Amino acid sequence: MTDLEQEWKDAAPHPHPETDLEYECLSISVVKAEQYERLLLLPEDEDMLHDDAFMVVGEDDLVDLSDMA
């Protein structure tokens, strides 16, 4: 077994967002596009906006990270 395979085997099934994945929680603004029944989540700090920082996901893909902490 390679080192990478061993790392995957040893990885927690539900990693902690901050300590395991090094994610940083930040404040967001929620913009509701009512005609499309969609939400747009934007960082409150405009300096955090980047062209490659957007994802389109379905409702089932959303998870409240504070519930995972």
Protein backbone atom coordinates (compact mmCIF):
# COMPACT_ATOMS: atom_id res chain seq x y z
CA MET A 1 0.00 0.00 0.00
CA THR A 2 1.36 3.44 -0.92
CA ASP A 3 1.64 6.29 1.57
CA LEU A 4 -1.22 8.11 -0.16
CA GLU A 5 -3.45 5.03 0.02
CA GLN A 6 -2.64 4.70 3.72
CA GLU A 7 -3.49 8.38 4.29
CA TRP A 8 -6.89 7.87 2.64
CA LYS A 9 -7.49 4.75 4.72
CA ASP A 10 -6.58 6.60 7.93
CA ALA A 11 -8.61 9.73 7.12
CA ALA A 12 -11.66 10.41 9.26
CA PRO A 13 -14.97 9.70 7.48
CA HIS A 14 -16.27 13.10 8.63
CA PRO A 15 -13.26 15.42 8.90
CA HIS A 16 -13.48 18.57 11.01
CA PRO A 17 -13.60 21.57 8.62
CA GLU A 18 -11.09 23.70 10.53
CA THR A 19 -8.66 21.30 12.17
CA ASP A 20 -8.59 18.54 9.54
CA LEU A 21 -9.23 20.47 6.32
CA GLU A 22 -7.79 23.86 7.34
CA TYR A 23 -11.00 25.66 6.28
CA GLU A 24 -11.57 29.09 7.78
CA CYS A 25 -15.12 30.10 8.73
CA LEU A 26 -16.04 33.56 7.51
CA SER A 27 -18.99 35.91 7.54
CA ILE A 28 -21.21 35.74 4.49
CA SER A 29 -24.04 37.78 3.03
CA VAL A 30 -27.05 35.96 1.62
CA VAL A 31 -28.74 37.39 -1.46
CA LYS A 32 -32.07 35.79 -2.38
CA ALA A 33 -32.99 35.65 -6.07
CA GLU A 34 -36.70 35.04 -5.52
CA GLN A 35 -37.70 34.69 -9.17
CA TYR A 36 -35.29 31.76 -9.50
CA GLU A 37 -35.79 30.44 -5.94
CA ARG A 38 -32.02 30.57 -5.46
CA LEU A 39 -29.60 31.95 -2.89
CA LEU A 40 -26.30 33.66 -3.61
CA LEU A 41 -23.79 33.46 -0.76
CA LEU A 42 -21.06 36.09 -0.85
CA PRO A 43 -18.26 36.83 1.60
CA GLU A 44 -18.86 40.07 3.49
CA ASP A 45 -15.22 41.03 2.85
CA GLU A 46 -15.11 42.04 -0.83
CA ASP A 47 -11.35 41.34 -0.90
CA MET A 48 -12.26 37.65 -0.69
CA LEU A 49 -14.12 37.69 -4.03
CA HIS A 50 -12.18 35.96 -6.81
CA ASP A 51 -13.25 34.88 -10.30
CA ASP A 52 -12.58 31.24 -9.43
CA ALA A 53 -14.29 31.35 -6.03
CA PHE A 54 -17.82 30.42 -7.11
CA MET A 55 -19.65 27.10 -7.19
CA VAL A 56 -23.13 26.18 -8.35
CA VAL A 57 -24.64 23.48 -6.14
CA GLY A 58 -28.01 21.91 -5.54
CA GLU A 59 -29.95 22.29 -2.31
CA ASP A 60 -29.05 18.74 -1.24
CA ASP A 61 -25.35 19.65 -1.45
CA LEU A 62 -25.56 22.33 1.26
CA VAL A 63 -24.32 21.54 4.76
CA ASP A 64 -24.15 23.90 7.74
CA LEU A 65 -20.47 23.65 8.68
CA SER A 66 -21.17 24.85 12.21
CA ASP A 67 -23.17 21.62 12.69
CA MET A 68 -20.03 19.67 11.80
CA ALA A 69 -17.71 21.52 14.20
